[in-house]
Protein backbone atom coordinates (compact mmCIF):
# COMPACT_ATOMS: atom_id res chain seq x y z
CA MET A 1 -163.33 -91.97 -50.96
CA ARG A 2 -164.24 -91.61 -54.63
CA HIS A 3 -161.38 -90.40 -56.81
CA THR A 4 -161.61 -87.20 -58.87
CA ARG A 5 -160.31 -86.88 -62.42
CA ILE A 6 -157.13 -84.84 -62.66
CA LYS A 7 -158.73 -82.60 -65.29
CA ASP A 8 -161.43 -81.68 -62.78
CA LEU A 9 -158.90 -81.13 -59.99
CA LEU A 10 -156.90 -78.74 -62.14
CA ASN A 11 -160.10 -76.85 -63.02
CA SER A 12 -161.31 -76.75 -59.42
CA THR A 13 -162.60 -73.48 -58.01
CA SER A 14 -162.03 -74.45 -54.38
CA ILE A 15 -158.96 -75.64 -52.52
CA LEU A 16 -157.91 -76.85 -49.07
CA HIS A 17 -160.21 -79.85 -49.19
CA GLU A 18 -159.38 -83.54 -49.13
CA VAL A 19 -159.22 -85.24 -52.54
CA ASN A 20 -158.27 -88.58 -53.98
CA ALA A 21 -156.60 -88.98 -57.37
CA LYS A 22 -155.61 -92.15 -59.21
CA GLY A 23 -153.36 -92.44 -62.23
CA TRP A 24 -149.99 -93.41 -63.58
CA VAL A 25 -146.65 -91.96 -62.55
CA ARG A 26 -145.03 -89.93 -65.31
CA THR A 27 -142.00 -88.90 -63.23
CA PHE A 28 -140.88 -89.08 -59.61
CA ARG A 29 -138.08 -86.72 -58.59
CA ASN A 30 -136.18 -85.94 -55.44
CA ASN A 31 -138.02 -88.73 -53.64
CA GLN A 32 -140.83 -86.22 -53.17
CA PHE A 33 -142.58 -84.96 -56.33
CA ILE A 34 -144.85 -87.23 -58.38
CA ALA A 35 -146.12 -86.03 -61.76
CA LEU A 36 -149.41 -87.93 -61.98
CA ASN A 37 -151.58 -88.37 -65.07
CA ASP A 38 -154.84 -90.25 -65.48
CA GLY A 39 -155.52 -89.66 -69.20
CA SER A 40 -158.26 -87.06 -68.67
CA THR A 41 -155.95 -84.19 -69.69
CA ILE A 42 -152.55 -83.50 -71.23
CA ASN A 43 -151.57 -81.88 -67.92
CA ASN A 44 -150.16 -83.74 -64.92
CA ILE A 45 -150.90 -82.87 -61.33
CA GLN A 46 -147.98 -82.62 -58.94
CA CYS A 47 -148.31 -84.74 -55.83
CA VAL A 48 -145.98 -83.83 -52.96
CA VAL A 49 -145.05 -86.89 -50.91
CA ASP A 50 -144.07 -86.66 -47.24
CA PHE A 51 -140.93 -88.69 -47.88
CA GLU A 52 -139.77 -88.53 -44.26
CA ASN A 53 -142.87 -90.41 -43.10
CA THR A 54 -143.23 -92.69 -46.12
CA PRO A 55 -141.63 -96.15 -45.87
CA GLU A 56 -138.47 -96.56 -47.95
CA GLU A 57 -139.92 -99.65 -49.59
CA THR A 58 -142.95 -97.66 -50.82
CA LEU A 59 -140.78 -94.85 -52.21
CA LYS A 60 -138.79 -97.41 -54.23
CA ARG A 61 -142.04 -98.62 -55.85
CA ILE A 62 -142.96 -95.13 -57.15
CA THR A 63 -141.53 -95.58 -60.64
CA THR A 64 -142.49 -94.33 -64.12
CA GLY A 65 -145.55 -96.25 -65.28
CA ALA A 66 -146.69 -97.40 -61.86
CA ALA A 67 -150.37 -96.98 -60.99
CA VAL A 68 -150.93 -95.16 -57.71
CA SER A 69 -153.67 -93.70 -55.56
CA VAL A 70 -152.97 -90.51 -53.61
CA THR A 71 -155.17 -88.94 -50.97
CA GLY A 72 -154.43 -85.53 -49.56
CA THR A 73 -155.20 -81.83 -49.61
CA LEU A 74 -155.60 -79.82 -52.81
CA VAL A 75 -153.55 -76.64 -52.39
CA GLU A 76 -152.19 -73.83 -54.52
CA SER A 77 -148.89 -74.93 -56.02
CA LYS A 78 -145.67 -73.27 -54.98
CA GLY A 79 -143.97 -74.39 -58.20
CA ALA A 80 -144.13 -72.62 -61.55
CA GLY A 81 -146.33 -73.87 -64.38
CA GLN A 82 -149.07 -75.44 -62.31
CA LYS A 83 -152.08 -74.01 -60.51
CA TYR A 84 -152.70 -76.72 -57.90
CA GLU A 85 -150.92 -79.65 -56.32
CA ILE A 86 -151.82 -82.35 -53.84
CA GLN A 87 -150.13 -82.51 -50.44
CA VAL A 88 -150.18 -86.28 -50.01
CA ALA A 89 -151.34 -87.73 -46.70
CA LYS A 90 -151.81 -91.30 -47.94
CA LEU A 91 -150.21 -93.07 -50.89
CA GLU A 92 -151.08 -96.53 -52.20
CA ILE A 93 -149.33 -98.45 -54.97
CA LEU A 94 -152.05 -100.00 -57.13
CA GLY A 95 -149.77 -101.58 -59.72
CA ASP A 96 -145.99 -101.78 -59.91
CA SER A 97 -143.97 -101.02 -63.03
CA ASP A 98 -140.51 -102.45 -63.64
CA PRO A 99 -138.36 -99.35 -64.26
CA GLU A 100 -135.80 -101.34 -66.24
CA LYS A 101 -138.34 -102.90 -68.62
CA PHE A 102 -141.04 -100.24 -69.00
CA PRO A 103 -140.43 -98.84 -72.52
CA MET A 104 -142.24 -95.49 -72.08
CA GLN A 105 -139.56 -93.73 -70.05
CA PRO A 106 -139.79 -89.90 -69.82
CA LYS A 107 -137.66 -89.11 -72.84
CA ARG A 108 -138.16 -88.49 -76.54
CA HIS A 109 -138.92 -91.67 -78.47
CA SER A 110 -139.00 -92.14 -82.23
CA LEU A 111 -142.43 -92.62 -83.77
CA GLU A 112 -141.30 -95.94 -85.22
CA PHE A 113 -140.35 -97.17 -81.73
CA LEU A 114 -143.75 -96.07 -80.44
CA ARG A 115 -145.56 -97.94 -83.26
CA GLU A 116 -143.75 -101.07 -82.15
CA ASN A 117 -145.23 -100.45 -78.69
CA ALA A 118 -148.67 -99.32 -79.80
CA HIS A 119 -150.25 -100.90 -76.73
CA LEU A 120 -148.26 -98.55 -74.47
CA ARG A 121 -147.63 -95.48 -76.64
CA VAL A 122 -150.88 -93.85 -75.49
CA ARG A 123 -149.14 -93.30 -72.14
CA THR A 124 -147.01 -90.63 -73.77
CA ASN A 125 -148.18 -87.02 -73.93
CA ALA A 126 -148.35 -86.98 -77.72
CA PHE A 127 -150.47 -90.08 -78.15
CA GLY A 128 -152.70 -89.25 -75.21
CA ALA A 129 -153.42 -85.92 -76.92
CA ILE A 130 -153.98 -87.55 -80.33
CA MET A 131 -156.47 -90.07 -78.96
CA ARG A 132 -158.43 -87.45 -77.01
CA VAL A 133 -158.64 -85.33 -80.18
CA ARG A 134 -159.74 -88.39 -82.16
CA SER A 135 -162.47 -89.09 -79.60
CA VAL A 136 -163.80 -85.52 -79.67
CA LEU A 137 -163.70 -85.41 -83.49
CA SER A 138 -165.70 -88.64 -83.57
CA PHE A 139 -168.35 -87.17 -81.28
CA ALA A 140 -168.43 -83.98 -83.38
CA VAL A 141 -169.21 -86.05 -86.50
CA HIS A 142 -172.30 -87.56 -84.88
CA SER A 143 -173.26 -84.24 -83.30
CA TYR A 144 -173.27 -82.45 -86.66
CA PHE A 145 -175.33 -84.99 -88.55
CA GLN A 146 -177.78 -85.58 -85.71
CA GLN A 147 -178.40 -81.84 -85.41
CA LYS A 148 -179.09 -81.74 -89.16
CA GLY A 149 -181.65 -84.56 -88.96
CA PHE A 150 -179.55 -87.27 -90.66
CA VAL A 151 -180.22 -90.94 -89.89
CA TYR A 152 -177.16 -92.89 -88.71
CA LEU A 153 -176.85 -96.05 -90.81
CA ASN A 154 -174.69 -99.10 -90.09
CA THR A 155 -173.77 -100.52 -93.49
CA PRO A 156 -172.41 -104.09 -93.76
CA ILE A 157 -168.75 -104.85 -93.22
CA ILE A 158 -169.06 -108.06 -95.25
CA THR A 159 -170.17 -107.42 -98.82
CA GLY A 160 -170.23 -108.91 -102.29
CA ALA A 161 -169.89 -105.49 -103.95
CA ASP A 162 -166.72 -103.56 -104.80
CA ALA A 163 -167.89 -99.95 -104.57
CA GLU A 164 -164.70 -98.48 -105.98
CA GLY A 165 -164.10 -101.10 -108.65
CA ALA A 166 -160.45 -101.26 -107.58
CA GLY A 167 -160.41 -104.96 -106.72
CA GLU A 168 -158.07 -104.44 -103.74
CA MET A 169 -160.32 -106.15 -101.23
CA PHE A 170 -159.83 -108.64 -98.40
CA GLN A 171 -161.71 -111.87 -99.11
CA VAL A 172 -163.95 -113.38 -96.44
CA THR A 173 -164.30 -117.15 -96.40
CA SER A 174 -164.94 -120.11 -94.11
CA LEU A 175 -163.61 -122.58 -96.69
CA PRO A 176 -160.62 -124.74 -95.66
CA LEU A 177 -157.67 -123.03 -97.33
CA ASP A 178 -155.67 -126.27 -97.45
CA ASN A 179 -158.44 -128.12 -99.28
CA LEU A 180 -160.54 -125.66 -101.29
CA PRO A 181 -163.61 -127.12 -103.03
CA LYS A 182 -163.47 -126.75 -106.81
CA THR A 183 -166.05 -126.65 -109.59
CA GLU A 184 -165.82 -128.93 -112.63
CA GLU A 185 -164.00 -126.08 -114.37
CA GLY A 186 -161.35 -126.04 -111.62
CA GLN A 187 -162.49 -122.75 -110.07
CA ILE A 188 -163.09 -122.26 -106.34
CA ASP A 189 -166.67 -123.32 -105.58
CA TYR A 190 -167.97 -120.38 -103.55
CA LYS A 191 -171.43 -121.94 -103.44
CA LYS A 192 -170.01 -124.13 -100.67
CA ASP A 193 -168.75 -121.11 -98.73
CA PHE A 194 -170.56 -119.67 -95.71
CA PHE A 195 -172.48 -117.03 -97.70
CA GLY A 196 -172.80 -119.13 -100.83
CA LYS A 197 -170.93 -116.57 -102.89
CA HIS A 198 -167.64 -114.66 -103.13
CA THR A 199 -167.55 -112.03 -100.35
CA ASN A 200 -165.12 -109.37 -99.10
CA LEU A 201 -164.56 -106.82 -96.39
CA THR A 202 -166.08 -103.53 -97.52
CA VAL A 203 -164.11 -100.60 -98.93
CA SER A 204 -167.12 -98.28 -98.62
CA GLY A 205 -170.69 -98.20 -97.35
CA GLN A 206 -171.73 -95.81 -100.11
CA LEU A 207 -173.75 -98.13 -102.37
CA GLU A 208 -175.80 -99.47 -99.46
CA GLY A 209 -176.08 -95.91 -98.13
CA GLU A 210 -177.63 -94.73 -101.37
CA THR A 211 -180.45 -97.27 -101.06
CA PHE A 212 -181.42 -95.92 -97.64
CA ALA A 213 -181.11 -92.28 -98.72
CA MET A 214 -183.76 -93.08 -101.34
CA ALA A 215 -186.19 -93.77 -98.49
CA LEU A 216 -184.96 -91.79 -95.47
CA GLY A 217 -183.83 -88.67 -97.35
CA GLN A 218 -180.49 -88.12 -95.64
CA ILE A 219 -178.28 -90.70 -93.97
CA TYR A 220 -174.67 -91.02 -92.89
CA THR A 221 -172.40 -93.93 -92.18
CA PHE A 222 -169.38 -93.89 -89.88
CA GLY A 223 -167.62 -97.21 -89.63
CA PRO A 224 -164.58 -99.35 -90.44
CA THR A 225 -163.57 -100.02 -94.05
CA PHE A 226 -160.76 -102.10 -95.51
CA ARG A 227 -158.46 -102.05 -98.49
CA ALA A 228 -155.87 -104.68 -99.41
CA GLU A 229 -153.58 -102.20 -101.10
CA ASN A 230 -149.96 -103.31 -100.69
CA SER A 231 -148.73 -99.83 -99.84
CA ASN A 232 -146.37 -98.80 -97.06
CA THR A 233 -146.69 -95.03 -97.49
CA SER A 234 -147.48 -92.59 -94.68
CA ARG A 235 -150.98 -92.08 -96.17
CA HIS A 236 -152.30 -95.65 -96.35
CA LEU A 237 -153.88 -98.09 -93.90
CA ALA A 238 -155.45 -101.49 -94.56
CA GLU A 239 -158.15 -100.79 -91.95
CA PHE A 240 -159.56 -97.31 -91.59
CA TRP A 241 -162.80 -95.49 -90.73
CA MET A 242 -165.00 -93.68 -93.24
CA ILE A 243 -167.66 -90.99 -92.86
CA GLU A 244 -170.12 -91.15 -95.76
CA PRO A 245 -173.29 -89.03 -95.94
CA GLU A 246 -175.80 -89.54 -98.76
CA VAL A 247 -178.60 -87.05 -99.41
CA ALA A 248 -181.63 -87.43 -101.69
CA PHE A 249 -182.43 -84.45 -103.94
CA ASN A 250 -179.01 -82.83 -103.38
CA ASN A 251 -177.07 -81.82 -106.48
CA LEU A 252 -173.31 -81.28 -106.64
CA ASN A 253 -173.50 -77.68 -105.36
CA ASP A 254 -175.58 -78.82 -102.39
CA ASN A 255 -172.99 -81.54 -101.79
CA MET A 256 -170.17 -78.98 -101.72
CA ASP A 257 -172.12 -76.80 -99.29
CA LEU A 258 -172.70 -79.76 -96.97
CA ALA A 259 -169.07 -80.91 -97.01
CA GLU A 260 -167.69 -77.43 -96.34
CA ASP A 261 -170.12 -76.75 -93.50
CA PHE A 262 -169.49 -80.20 -91.98
CA ILE A 263 -165.70 -79.94 -91.97
CA GLN A 264 -165.70 -76.44 -90.51
CA TYR A 265 -168.12 -77.54 -87.78
CA VAL A 266 -166.11 -80.56 -86.60
CA ILE A 267 -162.81 -78.65 -86.64
CA LYS A 268 -164.25 -75.70 -84.72
CA TYR A 269 -165.88 -78.03 -82.18
CA THR A 270 -162.62 -79.88 -81.60
CA MET A 271 -160.58 -76.69 -81.26
CA GLU A 272 -162.97 -75.53 -78.54
CA LYS A 273 -162.96 -78.84 -76.64
CA CYS A 274 -159.28 -79.82 -77.05
CA SER A 275 -157.42 -76.51 -76.72
CA ASP A 276 -154.75 -77.86 -74.34
CA ASP A 277 -154.09 -80.94 -76.45
CA LEU A 278 -153.86 -78.92 -79.66
CA LYS A 279 -151.49 -76.39 -78.09
CA PHE A 280 -149.27 -79.27 -77.02
CA LEU A 281 -149.40 -80.86 -80.49
CA GLU A 282 -148.62 -77.50 -82.07
CA GLY A 283 -145.50 -77.20 -79.89
CA ARG A 284 -144.51 -80.75 -80.79
CA LEU A 285 -144.89 -79.94 -84.49
CA LEU A 286 -142.80 -76.77 -84.16
CA GLU A 287 -139.97 -78.80 -82.61
CA GLU A 288 -140.24 -81.35 -85.42
CA GLU A 289 -140.16 -78.58 -88.05
CA LYS A 290 -136.84 -77.32 -86.69
CA THR A 291 -135.18 -80.58 -87.75
CA LYS A 292 -136.25 -80.14 -91.39
CA PRO A 293 -134.47 -78.15 -94.10
CA GLN A 294 -135.86 -74.63 -94.43
CA ALA A 295 -137.47 -75.39 -97.81
CA GLU A 296 -139.48 -78.30 -96.34
CA ARG A 297 -140.86 -76.43 -93.33
CA SER A 298 -144.53 -75.57 -93.17
CA GLU A 299 -145.47 -71.94 -93.60
CA MET A 300 -148.23 -72.27 -90.98
CA THR A 301 -148.35 -73.55 -87.42
CA LEU A 302 -150.93 -76.19 -86.57
CA LEU A 303 -153.47 -73.73 -85.14
CA GLU A 304 -152.90 -71.35 -88.05
CA LYS A 305 -153.65 -74.21 -90.44
CA LEU A 306 -156.88 -75.08 -88.63
CA ASN A 307 -157.98 -71.43 -88.56
CA PHE A 308 -157.07 -71.21 -92.25
CA VAL A 309 -159.85 -73.73 -92.91
CA LEU A 310 -162.33 -72.01 -90.61
CA GLU A 311 -161.73 -68.45 -91.80
CA ASN A 312 -161.68 -68.98 -95.57
CA ASN A 313 -164.49 -69.87 -97.92
CA PHE A 314 -163.57 -72.91 -99.98
CA LYS A 315 -162.67 -71.86 -103.54
CA ARG A 316 -164.62 -73.85 -106.16
CA VAL A 317 -162.57 -74.58 -109.28
CA SER A 318 -163.27 -76.88 -112.21
CA TYR A 319 -160.76 -79.61 -113.00
CA THR A 320 -160.23 -78.01 -116.42
CA GLU A 321 -159.34 -74.64 -114.87
CA ALA A 322 -157.04 -76.36 -112.38
CA ILE A 323 -155.19 -78.18 -115.16
CA ASP A 324 -154.62 -74.88 -116.99
CA ILE A 325 -153.27 -73.30 -113.79
CA LEU A 326 -150.96 -76.23 -113.08
CA ARG A 327 -149.73 -76.54 -116.66
CA ASP A 328 -148.74 -72.86 -116.66
CA SER A 329 -147.29 -72.87 -113.14
CA THR A 330 -143.61 -72.18 -112.47
CA PRO A 331 -142.89 -75.55 -110.79
CA ASN A 332 -144.42 -77.36 -113.75
CA LYS A 333 -142.52 -75.34 -116.36
CA ARG A 334 -139.27 -75.79 -114.41
CA LYS A 335 -140.03 -79.49 -113.92
CA LYS A 336 -140.05 -79.15 -110.13
CA PHE A 337 -143.15 -81.33 -109.89
CA GLN A 338 -142.43 -85.03 -109.64
CA TYR A 339 -145.41 -85.59 -111.96
CA ILE A 340 -145.38 -83.08 -114.81
CA ILE A 341 -148.77 -81.87 -116.05
CA ASN A 342 -148.77 -81.99 -119.85
CA GLU A 343 -152.39 -82.43 -120.86
CA TRP A 344 -156.02 -82.53 -119.79
CA GLY A 345 -156.96 -85.88 -118.28
CA ALA A 346 -154.03 -86.24 -115.89
CA ASP A 347 -154.80 -87.71 -112.47
CA LEU A 348 -153.75 -85.03 -109.97
CA GLN A 349 -151.23 -85.92 -107.29
CA SER A 350 -150.81 -84.52 -103.77
CA GLU A 351 -148.11 -82.09 -104.94
CA HIS A 352 -150.52 -80.56 -107.47
CA GLU A 353 -153.36 -80.34 -104.96
CA ARG A 354 -151.16 -78.65 -102.36
CA TYR A 355 -149.86 -76.16 -104.94
CA LEU A 356 -153.40 -75.08 -105.74
CA VAL A 357 -154.26 -74.64 -102.04
CA GLU A 358 -151.03 -73.28 -100.57
CA LYS A 359 -149.49 -71.31 -103.43
CA HIS A 360 -152.10 -70.33 -105.99
CA PHE A 361 -155.46 -69.78 -104.26
CA LYS A 362 -154.19 -69.63 -100.64
CA CYS A 363 -157.43 -71.13 -99.31
CA PRO A 364 -159.10 -74.56 -99.23
CA VAL A 365 -160.15 -75.64 -102.72
CA ILE A 366 -162.99 -77.77 -104.07
CA LEU A 367 -162.22 -79.22 -107.50
CA PHE A 368 -165.16 -80.45 -109.56
CA ASP A 369 -166.11 -81.92 -112.94
CA TYR A 370 -163.31 -84.44 -113.35
CA PRO A 371 -162.64 -86.57 -116.45
CA ALA A 372 -165.01 -89.54 -116.43
CA ASN A 373 -162.25 -92.06 -117.13
CA ILE A 374 -160.41 -91.38 -113.83
CA LYS A 375 -163.49 -91.52 -111.60
CA ALA A 376 -165.89 -94.23 -110.37
CA PHE A 377 -168.81 -95.64 -112.38
CA TYR A 378 -171.55 -94.23 -110.13
CA MET A 379 -170.71 -90.54 -110.74
CA ARG A 380 -173.16 -88.57 -112.87
CA LEU A 381 -172.03 -88.02 -116.44
CA ASN A 382 -172.10 -84.38 -117.60
CA GLU A 383 -173.68 -83.30 -120.87
CA ASP A 384 -170.23 -83.03 -122.49
CA GLY A 385 -169.88 -86.82 -122.23
CA LYS A 386 -166.30 -86.39 -120.98
CA THR A 387 -166.62 -85.25 -117.38
CA VAL A 388 -168.56 -86.35 -114.31
CA ARG A 389 -170.09 -84.42 -111.41
CA ALA A 390 -167.28 -85.34 -109.05
CA MET A 391 -165.72 -83.17 -106.35
CA ASP A 392 -162.59 -83.32 -104.19
CA ILE A 393 -161.83 -81.01 -101.27
CA LEU A 394 -158.17 -80.04 -100.95
CA PHE A 395 -156.48 -78.88 -97.73
CA PRO A 396 -153.06 -77.39 -96.95
CA GLY A 397 -150.34 -79.86 -96.05
CA ILE A 398 -152.43 -82.90 -96.92
CA GLY A 399 -154.04 -82.44 -100.34
CA GLU A 400 -157.31 -84.33 -100.87
CA ILE A 401 -159.34 -84.86 -97.72
CA VAL A 402 -162.84 -85.43 -99.16
CA GLY A 403 -164.02 -87.15 -102.32
CA GLY A 404 -167.63 -87.09 -103.47
CA SER A 405 -170.05 -86.67 -106.34
CA GLN A 406 -173.57 -86.26 -107.58
CA ARG A 407 -174.60 -89.85 -108.26
CA GLU A 408 -175.78 -91.09 -111.65
CA GLU A 409 -179.54 -91.33 -111.18
CA ARG A 410 -180.40 -92.27 -114.81
CA PHE A 411 -180.88 -96.02 -115.14
CA ASP A 412 -179.84 -96.35 -118.78
CA VAL A 413 -176.72 -94.19 -118.40
CA LEU A 414 -175.63 -96.08 -115.25
CA VAL A 415 -176.10 -99.48 -116.92
CA GLU A 416 -174.11 -98.36 -119.96
CA LYS A 417 -171.23 -97.18 -117.74
CA MET A 418 -171.25 -100.47 -115.84
CA ARG A 419 -171.13 -102.47 -119.07
CA THR A 420 -168.28 -100.36 -120.42
CA LEU A 421 -166.27 -100.97 -117.22
CA GLY A 422 -167.16 -104.67 -117.03
CA ILE A 423 -169.11 -104.34 -113.76
CA ASP A 424 -171.51 -107.24 -113.21
CA GLU A 425 -175.13 -106.00 -113.38
CA GLU A 426 -176.41 -109.17 -111.71
CA GLU A 427 -174.17 -108.58 -108.67
CA LEU A 428 -175.55 -105.06 -108.26
CA TRP A 429 -179.18 -105.75 -109.17
CA TRP A 430 -180.31 -104.27 -105.87
CA TYR A 431 -178.33 -101.07 -106.52
CA LEU A 432 -179.90 -100.72 -109.96
CA ASP A 433 -183.34 -101.09 -108.37
CA THR A 434 -182.89 -97.64 -106.80
CA ARG A 435 -182.81 -96.30 -110.37
CA ARG A 436 -185.80 -98.41 -111.43
CA PHE A 437 -188.13 -97.37 -108.64
CA GLY A 438 -188.43 -93.65 -107.90
CA SER A 439 -184.96 -92.54 -108.92
CA ALA A 440 -184.00 -88.96 -108.08
CA VAL A 441 -181.00 -86.66 -108.05
CA HIS A 442 -178.83 -87.45 -105.02
CA SER A 443 -175.29 -86.82 -103.85
CA GLY A 444 -172.79 -87.80 -101.19
CA PHE A 445 -169.16 -87.81 -100.21
CA GLY A 446 -166.59 -89.84 -98.31
CA LEU A 447 -164.18 -88.54 -95.71
CA GLY A 448 -161.46 -90.83 -94.39
CA PHE A 449 -161.61 -90.22 -90.64
CA GLU A 450 -157.91 -90.87 -90.09
CA ARG A 451 -157.10 -88.32 -92.82
CA LEU A 452 -159.15 -85.78 -90.83
CA VAL A 453 -157.43 -86.70 -87.53
CA LEU A 454 -154.07 -86.41 -89.30
CA PHE A 455 -154.89 -82.87 -90.40
CA VAL A 456 -156.26 -81.72 -87.04
CA THR A 457 -153.37 -83.14 -84.97
CA GLY A 458 -150.59 -82.10 -87.35
CA MET A 459 -149.17 -85.63 -87.47
CA THR A 460 -147.51 -86.70 -90.70
CA ASN A 461 -148.02 -90.48 -90.68
CA ILE A 462 -151.51 -91.94 -90.71
CA ARG A 463 -150.32 -94.89 -88.59
CA ASP A 464 -150.00 -92.48 -85.67
CA VAL A 465 -153.65 -91.38 -85.53
CA ILE A 466 -155.34 -94.78 -85.17
CA PRO A 467 -155.00 -96.90 -82.01
CA PHE A 468 -153.64 -100.04 -83.69
CA PRO A 469 -152.55 -99.54 -87.32
CA ARG A 470 -153.08 -102.36 -89.81
CA THR A 471 -150.58 -102.23 -92.67
CA PRO A 472 -148.86 -104.76 -94.98
CA GLN A 473 -147.07 -107.42 -92.92
CA ASN A 474 -148.37 -105.90 -89.68
CA ALA A 475 -151.40 -107.03 -87.70
CA GLU A 476 -149.80 -106.92 -84.24
CA PHE A 477 -151.84 -106.28 -81.10
């Protein structure tokens, strides 16, 4: 008999028929009641075992974590909190679990403990919910862009270009590290390496994406990116996924419109498809909030925060206006900010971004026209010569979630910026070709997928929204 997913059993419109379910035991109580879960839903189905006619040896093997198959009749449940249950006629142990060694016992575990057991943590309610939400969000990303006629582009993971100019990149080499070939000048001879040049893991697919946007009109990338930043904060990963659309003929205002519409679409889609998981995660967050001092507690529940994004137009504010607001704000004057805003040109921190969203405007905010010297070389220089057509989208509880810009389409201006910043023109000759041959106004943005999952699930550490986090000194699993 073919087994039926537990999600489908719980949503069944007919009962009193024979069914088969397979999954993992969450709990087994009174030698009779199995709480069974197969990963299709946050909810378990109760399976009532005929313990009087079940061998003692079999009952002993029904332990937390064991994989079982149950066949029986789907009936209305007599217990509270569940619609249906299975009256078990046949039970088979598919895989035993040692109750003394299985780490995911039915109790509250610290997130740090669960990270140490990342290969098993998805068996908990919280991480099952997070990964289902992540999956639906991922589908929503493709759904949005495909509906809008974008072309999905797979940009290279191995690259010779540093899109951000930060230099914090993982090097890729096939050279023997214990006997590196050297040039006459004593430098590493990359001509003898696999690619014949110095290469790295990519931090962004943007530059390659721009080249295809100049032929296909509108493209998006969605793939893994890497940054060798030695940071152990709750906001950083060494391996993460990026969503990066690029659109020919779009200016900065078009770019803002696209980003706002995109984010609202994927959040709404996920709220509709993952209502049970999000309700569970909201309850988890409420319990976590109770352990915090009153001053540190969020003013919104998880679902309120998501609806806050859906129900409010994003306020568009220039960097200059934002600096004036922050400089005159009470927390700045009373030195409550960790980073005091004294003058124009300051690089805004998360505390400043959250103040603008949560306290001042009370809606999502898009900041634009940043100082040129704190933004990347490819952003279009404004006529004032001081600012660039950059934009950041700020959300409650998280600060910046999207960064983008209108790209510098003028060949001479782009080359001058590259020379000023010491960026090798020969390395990016192919990128400059897009400005030599049919250049046009174009724009795009980048959205760190884990940052989005973090916001939608209400988690506070980015290591908890990716299956296997890669961080400094940690590449386990």
